[in-house]
Amino acid sequence: MRSQPQPRFPMPFPSRLNPHLDRARTRAGAWAHRMGMFDPEYGARPGRWSERTFEQADFPLFIALTHPDAEADELDLVTAWHLALWFLDDLFLPLHRHDHASDVAQVDRLMTFLPLDGFTRLPRPGTPVERAFAELWPRTAATMGPAWRERFIGSVRSFLDGMLWELAHVDHAVTDLVEYLGARRDFGGLRFTAVLMEHANGELHPGLLCDREVRTAVDAFVDAVSLHNDIVSYDRERGEGTVGNNGVEVARRSLGLGLADATALVNDLLTARVNTLARAGAAVPPGARPFVASLQEALAGSYRWHERTGRFRQPPDRVPAPAWGAPQGLGTSAVRLFQHAPRN
């Protein structure tokens, strides 16, 4: 049961479903198994990551709705990339060591699996995400030029740095809404989504990447998906004890609002960003219009996924809220998300 009714979310863009969804679902589950994402140590927090919650979330549906025209193999590739980052996003906070230097070192090691040339000999992967990067990056980089690879790698690093930012603000939650909105663009991972969308639709010309209206469109897409997610996931995150880095909660605390008014404020910001993305469709140069149309359709698809998935509609299993000031109950080296144990 929600603490407050969700507001209405205006959506001016159409959404379509990729016809290869059923295949993507089958392959995504098998791939996640092969990477080790369902190994017992990660299911120790079943409200966050288990085969059951994986199926309820229906992550392949998100990709099928945000990449409706992708070919079957491309849909599988994009789905796998997002699964790797979802896995990180769901488990990084509960399983980290509360040791900033160690967390940074783990992120730095993970980035070694994304060499700029795409084919440098890699370290032996020892975690699900390292195995995922080691498998996916050569396949992805093969079709990219150096500048595009650099942007892709930068978007992943930005996502990982965003997670480090979240860790730094767990015990000292941000209290300024403007600061939060700027940081949210990074730790939400949506810039990565936008760059990866080019892999399915074709690389943007470097000149278009510098266009102000194109940058505005990407920022509006990132903000809209992030703010919508904050509203929809508020109750879940409050139940888990991770709501401190949610825009609704930041607005509630920083402006002294009740929950309903804080939700309404974030929804107003969300609606403004949707309108900005709508205007961008006509404002960007002609060569960028197919890309912006893809962003618009992806936003509509994200809304549909949030409506249809069990990830937010159904409450997670009741688990104790994290005691952020001390190591977690999962905090042994055997259950570390970034443990470097080779997989047989």
Protein backbone atom coordinates (compact mmCIF):
# COMPACT_ATOMS: atom_id res chain seq x y z
CA MET A 1 0.00 0.00 0.00
CA ARG A 2 1.37 3.40 -0.94
CA SER A 3 1.71 6.14 1.63
CA GLN A 4 0.38 8.62 -0.91
CA PRO A 5 -1.47 8.13 -4.22
CA GLN A 6 0.82 8.55 -7.20
CA PRO A 7 0.20 11.64 -9.31
CA ARG A 8 -0.78 11.49 -12.95
CA PHE A 9 2.16 11.48 -15.33
CA PRO A 10 1.46 13.29 -18.63
CA MET A 11 3.13 11.51 -21.54
CA PRO A 12 2.92 13.08 -25.02
CA PHE A 13 5.07 10.45 -26.75
CA PRO A 14 4.01 7.06 -28.16
CA SER A 15 5.61 3.79 -27.10
CA ARG A 16 6.10 0.54 -29.02
CA LEU A 17 7.18 -2.94 -28.02
CA ASN A 18 10.08 -4.75 -29.65
CA PRO A 19 8.85 -8.00 -31.30
CA HIS A 20 11.86 -9.95 -29.97
CA LEU A 21 10.87 -9.57 -26.30
CA ASP A 22 10.14 -13.26 -25.63
CA ARG A 23 13.53 -14.30 -26.94
CA ALA A 24 15.22 -11.54 -24.93
CA ARG A 25 13.52 -12.73 -21.74
CA THR A 26 14.72 -16.30 -22.23
CA ARG A 27 18.26 -15.27 -23.09
CA ALA A 28 18.53 -12.66 -20.34
CA GLY A 29 17.78 -15.18 -17.60
CA ALA A 30 20.23 -17.71 -19.00
CA TRP A 31 22.93 -15.05 -19.40
CA ALA A 32 22.46 -13.78 -15.84
CA HIS A 33 22.83 -17.36 -14.59
CA ARG A 34 26.00 -17.82 -16.62
CA MET A 35 27.51 -14.63 -15.22
CA GLY A 36 26.83 -15.84 -11.67
CA MET A 37 24.23 -13.21 -10.78
CA PHE A 38 22.02 -15.78 -9.06
CA ASP A 39 24.77 -17.39 -7.00
CA PRO A 40 23.62 -17.94 -3.40
CA GLU A 41 25.57 -15.06 -1.88
CA TYR A 42 23.63 -12.51 -3.94
CA GLY A 43 20.26 -14.06 -3.09
CA ALA A 44 21.00 -13.52 0.59
CA ARG A 45 19.12 -10.24 0.21
CA PRO A 46 16.07 -11.64 -1.62
CA GLY A 47 14.08 -8.42 -1.56
CA ARG A 48 16.72 -6.89 -3.79
CA TRP A 49 18.15 -9.57 -6.10
CA SER A 50 16.99 -13.13 -6.63
CA GLU A 51 15.52 -15.16 -9.48
CA ARG A 52 12.04 -14.28 -8.23
CA THR A 53 12.66 -10.54 -8.06
CA PHE A 54 14.48 -10.73 -11.40
CA GLU A 55 11.40 -12.25 -13.03
CA GLN A 56 9.06 -9.76 -11.34
CA ALA A 57 11.16 -6.82 -12.48
CA ASP A 58 11.06 -8.00 -16.11
CA PHE A 59 14.16 -6.05 -17.09
CA PRO A 60 14.00 -7.26 -20.72
CA LEU A 61 10.61 -5.56 -20.99
CA PHE A 62 12.28 -2.23 -20.19
CA ILE A 63 14.75 -2.72 -23.03
CA ALA A 64 12.07 -3.93 -25.43
CA LEU A 65 10.03 -0.80 -24.71
CA THR A 66 12.98 1.59 -24.94
CA HIS A 67 14.55 -0.06 -28.03
CA PRO A 68 11.51 -1.06 -30.10
CA ASP A 69 13.39 -1.28 -33.41
CA ALA A 70 16.52 -3.12 -32.27
CA GLU A 71 17.33 -6.38 -34.01
CA ALA A 72 17.22 -9.54 -31.89
CA ASP A 73 20.98 -9.78 -31.28
CA GLU A 74 21.24 -6.07 -30.54
CA LEU A 75 18.35 -6.32 -28.09
CA ASP A 76 20.16 -9.13 -26.28
CA LEU A 77 23.35 -7.08 -26.10
CA VAL A 78 21.66 -3.94 -24.78
CA THR A 79 19.66 -6.00 -22.28
CA ALA A 80 22.83 -7.64 -20.96
CA TRP A 81 24.59 -4.29 -20.47
CA HIS A 82 21.66 -2.96 -18.49
CA LEU A 83 21.43 -6.13 -16.42
CA ALA A 84 25.06 -5.70 -15.39
CA LEU A 85 24.42 -2.15 -14.20
CA TRP A 86 21.11 -3.05 -12.54
CA PHE A 87 22.93 -5.78 -10.64
CA LEU A 88 25.48 -3.23 -9.47
CA ASP A 89 22.82 -0.68 -8.61
CA ASP A 90 20.82 -3.14 -6.53
CA LEU A 91 23.71 -4.66 -4.59
CA PHE A 92 26.49 -2.10 -4.38
CA LEU A 93 25.05 -0.28 -1.36
CA PRO A 94 24.12 -3.34 0.73
CA LEU A 95 27.40 -5.16 0.11
CA HIS A 96 30.04 -2.45 0.26
CA ARG A 97 32.64 -2.32 3.04
CA HIS A 98 32.19 1.26 4.25
CA ASP A 99 35.79 1.81 3.17
CA HIS A 100 36.04 4.59 0.60
CA ALA A 101 39.51 3.65 -0.58
CA SER A 102 38.45 0.04 -1.08
CA ASP A 103 35.28 1.09 -2.93
CA VAL A 104 37.27 3.34 -5.27
CA ALA A 105 39.78 0.55 -5.90
CA GLN A 106 36.96 -1.83 -6.81
CA VAL A 107 35.54 0.69 -9.28
CA ASP A 108 38.99 1.30 -10.77
CA ARG A 109 39.48 -2.44 -11.24
CA LEU A 110 36.12 -2.78 -12.94
CA MET A 111 37.09 -0.07 -15.43
CA THR A 112 40.13 -2.14 -16.50
CA PHE A 113 37.63 -4.43 -18.24
CA LEU A 114 36.75 -1.55 -20.61
CA PRO A 115 40.05 -0.80 -22.42
CA LEU A 116 39.81 1.96 -24.99
CA ASP A 117 41.02 -0.25 -27.84
CA GLY A 118 38.37 -2.82 -26.93
CA PHE A 119 40.73 -5.78 -27.25
CA THR A 120 43.55 -5.37 -24.71
CA ARG A 121 44.20 -8.53 -22.72
CA LEU A 122 41.98 -8.33 -19.62
CA PRO A 123 42.52 -9.48 -16.05
CA ARG A 124 40.85 -12.71 -15.06
CA PRO A 125 37.27 -11.76 -14.10
CA GLY A 126 36.19 -12.82 -10.64
CA THR A 127 32.72 -11.29 -10.16
CA PRO A 128 29.47 -11.31 -12.15
CA VAL A 129 29.96 -7.75 -13.34
CA GLU A 130 33.59 -8.31 -14.32
CA ARG A 131 32.53 -11.37 -16.31
CA ALA A 132 29.77 -9.33 -17.91
CA PHE A 133 32.09 -6.48 -18.92
CA ALA A 134 34.74 -8.90 -20.18
CA GLU A 135 32.21 -10.60 -22.45
CA LEU A 136 30.19 -7.60 -23.61
CA TRP A 137 32.83 -4.96 -24.23
CA PRO A 138 34.69 -6.63 -27.15
CA ARG A 139 31.37 -7.27 -28.87
CA THR A 140 30.25 -3.68 -28.33
CA ALA A 141 33.52 -1.90 -29.08
CA ALA A 142 33.99 -3.73 -32.39
CA THR A 143 31.50 -1.41 -34.10
CA MET A 144 32.70 1.80 -32.42
CA GLY A 145 35.30 4.34 -33.36
CA PRO A 146 37.75 5.65 -30.71
CA ALA A 147 35.74 8.76 -29.83
CA TRP A 148 32.54 6.78 -29.43
CA ARG A 149 34.30 4.19 -27.26
CA GLU A 150 35.67 6.97 -25.10
CA ARG A 151 32.18 8.41 -24.60
CA PHE A 152 30.80 4.97 -23.77
CA ILE A 153 33.56 4.27 -21.25
CA GLY A 154 33.05 7.73 -19.76
CA SER A 155 29.33 7.07 -19.31
CA VAL A 156 30.07 3.86 -17.39
CA ARG A 157 32.66 5.62 -15.23
CA SER A 158 30.16 8.37 -14.54
CA PHE A 159 27.63 5.79 -13.38
CA LEU A 160 30.18 4.12 -11.10
CA ASP A 161 31.33 7.46 -9.71
CA GLY A 162 27.67 8.23 -9.07
CA MET A 163 27.43 5.10 -6.94
CA LEU A 164 30.47 6.28 -4.98
CA TRP A 165 28.69 9.61 -4.53
CA GLU A 166 25.68 7.74 -3.14
CA LEU A 167 27.90 5.88 -0.70
CA ALA A 168 29.43 9.15 0.47
CA HIS A 169 25.95 10.52 1.15
CA VAL A 170 24.40 7.51 2.87
CA ASP A 171 25.25 8.77 6.35
CA HIS A 172 25.21 12.42 5.26
CA ALA A 173 22.25 12.61 2.88
CA VAL A 174 22.24 15.61 0.57
CA THR A 175 19.86 18.33 1.73
CA ASP A 176 19.93 20.64 -1.28
CA LEU A 177 17.54 19.84 -4.11
CA VAL A 178 19.64 21.54 -6.80
CA GLU A 179 22.74 19.59 -5.76
CA TYR A 180 20.73 16.40 -5.78
CA LEU A 181 19.33 16.96 -9.27
CA GLY A 182 22.83 17.50 -10.64
CA ALA A 183 24.18 14.37 -9.00
CA ARG A 184 21.15 12.31 -10.00
CA ARG A 185 22.08 12.68 -13.66
CA ASP A 186 25.17 10.60 -12.96
CA PHE A 187 24.19 7.95 -10.43
CA GLY A 188 20.97 7.07 -12.25
CA GLY A 189 22.91 5.62 -15.19
CA LEU A 190 20.69 7.22 -17.82
CA ARG A 191 23.58 8.88 -19.67
CA PHE A 192 24.88 5.38 -20.24
CA THR A 193 21.45 4.42 -21.62
CA ALA A 194 21.53 7.35 -24.03
CA VAL A 195 25.02 6.52 -25.31
CA LEU A 196 24.17 2.83 -25.66
CA MET A 197 21.05 3.80 -27.63
CA GLU A 198 23.40 4.98 -30.37
CA HIS A 199 24.71 1.42 -30.67
CA ALA A 200 21.28 0.34 -31.89
CA ASN A 201 20.48 3.46 -33.90
CA GLY A 202 23.84 4.62 -35.21
CA GLU A 203 26.58 6.91 -33.89
CA LEU A 204 25.82 10.60 -33.70
CA HIS A 205 28.08 12.89 -35.72
CA PRO A 206 30.59 14.60 -33.41
CA GLY A 207 29.26 17.99 -34.43
CA LEU A 208 25.77 17.08 -33.29
CA LEU A 209 27.07 16.01 -29.88
CA CYS A 210 28.21 19.59 -29.30
CA ASP A 211 24.88 21.10 -30.30
CA ARG A 212 23.21 22.85 -27.37
CA GLU A 213 19.75 21.56 -28.20
CA VAL A 214 20.96 17.97 -28.45
CA ARG A 215 22.63 18.25 -25.05
CA THR A 216 19.43 19.76 -23.69
CA ALA A 217 17.42 16.83 -25.07
CA VAL A 218 19.72 14.27 -23.46
CA ASP A 219 19.61 16.08 -20.12
CA ALA A 220 15.81 16.28 -20.28
CA PHE A 221 15.58 12.56 -21.02
CA VAL A 222 17.92 11.69 -18.15
CA ASP A 223 16.10 13.97 -15.71
CA ALA A 224 12.62 12.79 -16.70
CA VAL A 225 13.37 9.07 -16.31
CA SER A 226 15.18 9.72 -13.02
CA LEU A 227 12.48 11.91 -11.47
CA HIS A 228 9.71 9.55 -12.54
CA ASN A 229 11.62 6.68 -10.96
CA ASP A 230 12.06 8.65 -7.73
CA ILE A 231 8.31 9.12 -7.41
CA VAL A 232 7.41 5.53 -8.28
CA SER A 233 10.10 3.93 -6.13
CA TYR A 234 9.69 6.13 -3.06
CA ASP A 235 7.79 3.62 -0.91
CA ARG A 236 10.07 0.75 -1.84
CA GLU A 237 13.18 2.74 -0.97
CA ARG A 238 11.69 3.95 2.29
CA GLY A 239 10.97 0.35 3.27
CA GLU A 240 14.55 -0.60 2.47
CA GLY A 241 16.08 2.32 4.32
CA THR A 242 17.66 3.79 1.17
CA VAL A 243 15.24 6.68 0.58
CA GLY A 244 17.76 9.37 1.59
CA ASN A 245 18.95 9.70 -2.01
CA ASN A 246 15.46 9.99 -3.51
CA GLY A 247 14.35 13.31 -4.97
CA VAL A 248 10.97 13.24 -3.23
CA GLU A 249 12.66 12.75 0.14
CA VAL A 250 15.26 15.45 -0.60
CA ALA A 251 12.46 17.89 -1.51
CA ARG A 252 10.51 16.92 1.61
CA ARG A 253 13.46 17.49 3.94
CA SER A 254 15.11 20.46 2.29
CA LEU A 255 11.93 22.48 1.80
CA GLY A 256 10.02 21.30 4.87
CA LEU A 257 7.17 19.85 2.80
CA GLY A 258 4.70 17.10 3.51
CA LEU A 259 5.02 13.98 1.41
CA ALA A 260 2.13 14.90 -0.89
CA ASP A 261 3.50 18.38 -1.59
CA ALA A 262 7.04 17.05 -2.09
CA THR A 263 5.72 14.48 -4.57
CA ALA A 264 3.74 17.17 -6.39
CA LEU A 265 6.83 19.39 -6.63
CA VAL A 266 8.97 16.60 -8.10
CA ASN A 267 6.15 15.76 -10.51
CA ASP A 268 6.08 19.41 -11.63
CA LEU A 269 9.81 19.23 -12.31
CA LEU A 270 9.28 15.97 -14.15
CA THR A 271 6.53 17.44 -16.32
CA ALA A 272 8.72 20.41 -17.17
CA ARG A 273 11.52 18.09 -18.33
CA VAL A 274 9.07 16.07 -20.44
CA ASN A 275 7.94 19.31 -22.09
CA THR A 276 11.57 20.28 -22.72
CA LEU A 277 12.18 16.96 -24.45
CA ALA A 278 9.05 17.49 -26.55
CA ARG A 279 10.23 20.91 -27.71
CA ALA A 280 13.69 19.55 -28.47
CA GLY A 281 12.27 17.33 -31.19
CA ALA A 282 11.76 20.37 -33.41
CA ALA A 283 14.70 22.43 -32.12
CA VAL A 284 17.60 20.04 -32.78
CA PRO A 285 19.38 19.92 -36.17
CA PRO A 286 17.74 17.55 -38.69
CA GLY A 287 20.51 14.98 -38.35
CA ALA A 288 19.76 14.57 -34.64
CA ARG A 289 15.98 14.27 -34.91
CA PRO A 290 15.87 10.46 -35.21
CA PHE A 291 18.02 10.20 -32.08
CA VAL A 292 15.82 12.61 -30.12
CA ALA A 293 12.72 10.76 -31.34
CA SER A 294 14.30 7.59 -29.92
CA LEU A 295 14.81 9.34 -26.58
CA GLN A 296 11.18 10.45 -26.58
CA GLU A 297 9.93 6.97 -27.35
CA ALA A 298 12.29 5.49 -24.77
CA LEU A 299 10.88 7.80 -22.10
CA ALA A 300 7.36 6.65 -22.96
CA GLY A 301 8.58 3.05 -22.83
CA SER A 302 10.14 3.63 -19.42
CA TYR A 303 6.79 4.89 -18.12
CA ARG A 304 5.06 1.77 -19.43
CA TRP A 305 7.66 -0.49 -17.84
CA HIS A 306 7.20 1.21 -14.48
CA GLU A 307 3.45 0.61 -14.77
CA ARG A 308 3.74 -3.03 -15.77
CA THR A 309 6.72 -4.33 -13.82
CA GLY A 310 6.50 -5.92 -10.40
CA ARG A 311 9.68 -4.13 -9.36
CA PHE A 312 7.78 -1.22 -7.83
CA ARG A 313 4.16 -2.31 -7.73
CA GLN A 314 4.76 -5.17 -5.31
CA PRO A 315 6.56 -4.56 -2.00
CA PRO A 316 9.89 -6.34 -1.53
CA ASP A 317 10.35 -9.09 1.02
CA ARG A 318 10.57 -7.69 4.50
CA VAL A 319 14.23 -7.41 5.39
CA PRO A 320 15.81 -5.35 8.17
CA ALA A 321 16.65 -1.82 7.12
CA PRO A 322 20.41 -1.38 6.67
CA ALA A 323 22.40 -0.06 9.59
CA TRP A 324 24.44 2.30 7.47
CA GLY A 325 26.86 3.26 10.19
CA ALA A 326 28.35 -0.26 10.48
CA PRO A 327 29.16 -3.25 8.26
CA GLN A 328 26.06 -5.00 6.93
CA GLY A 329 24.77 -8.43 7.87
CA LEU A 330 25.98 -9.57 4.47
CA GLY A 331 29.38 -8.10 5.22
CA THR A 332 31.73 -11.01 4.98
CA SER A 333 34.32 -11.31 2.24
CA ALA A 334 32.51 -14.35 0.85
CA VAL A 335 29.46 -12.31 -0.09
CA ARG A 336 31.16 -9.18 -1.40
CA LEU A 337 29.74 -7.99 -4.65
CA PHE A 338 33.28 -7.31 -5.86
CA GLN A 339 34.99 -10.36 -4.40
CA HIS A 340 37.65 -11.61 -6.78
CA ALA A 341 37.00 -15.33 -6.57
CA PRO A 342 37.46 -17.08 -9.95
CA ARG A 343 34.41 -18.88 -11.24
CA ASN A 344 34.91 -22.51 -12.09
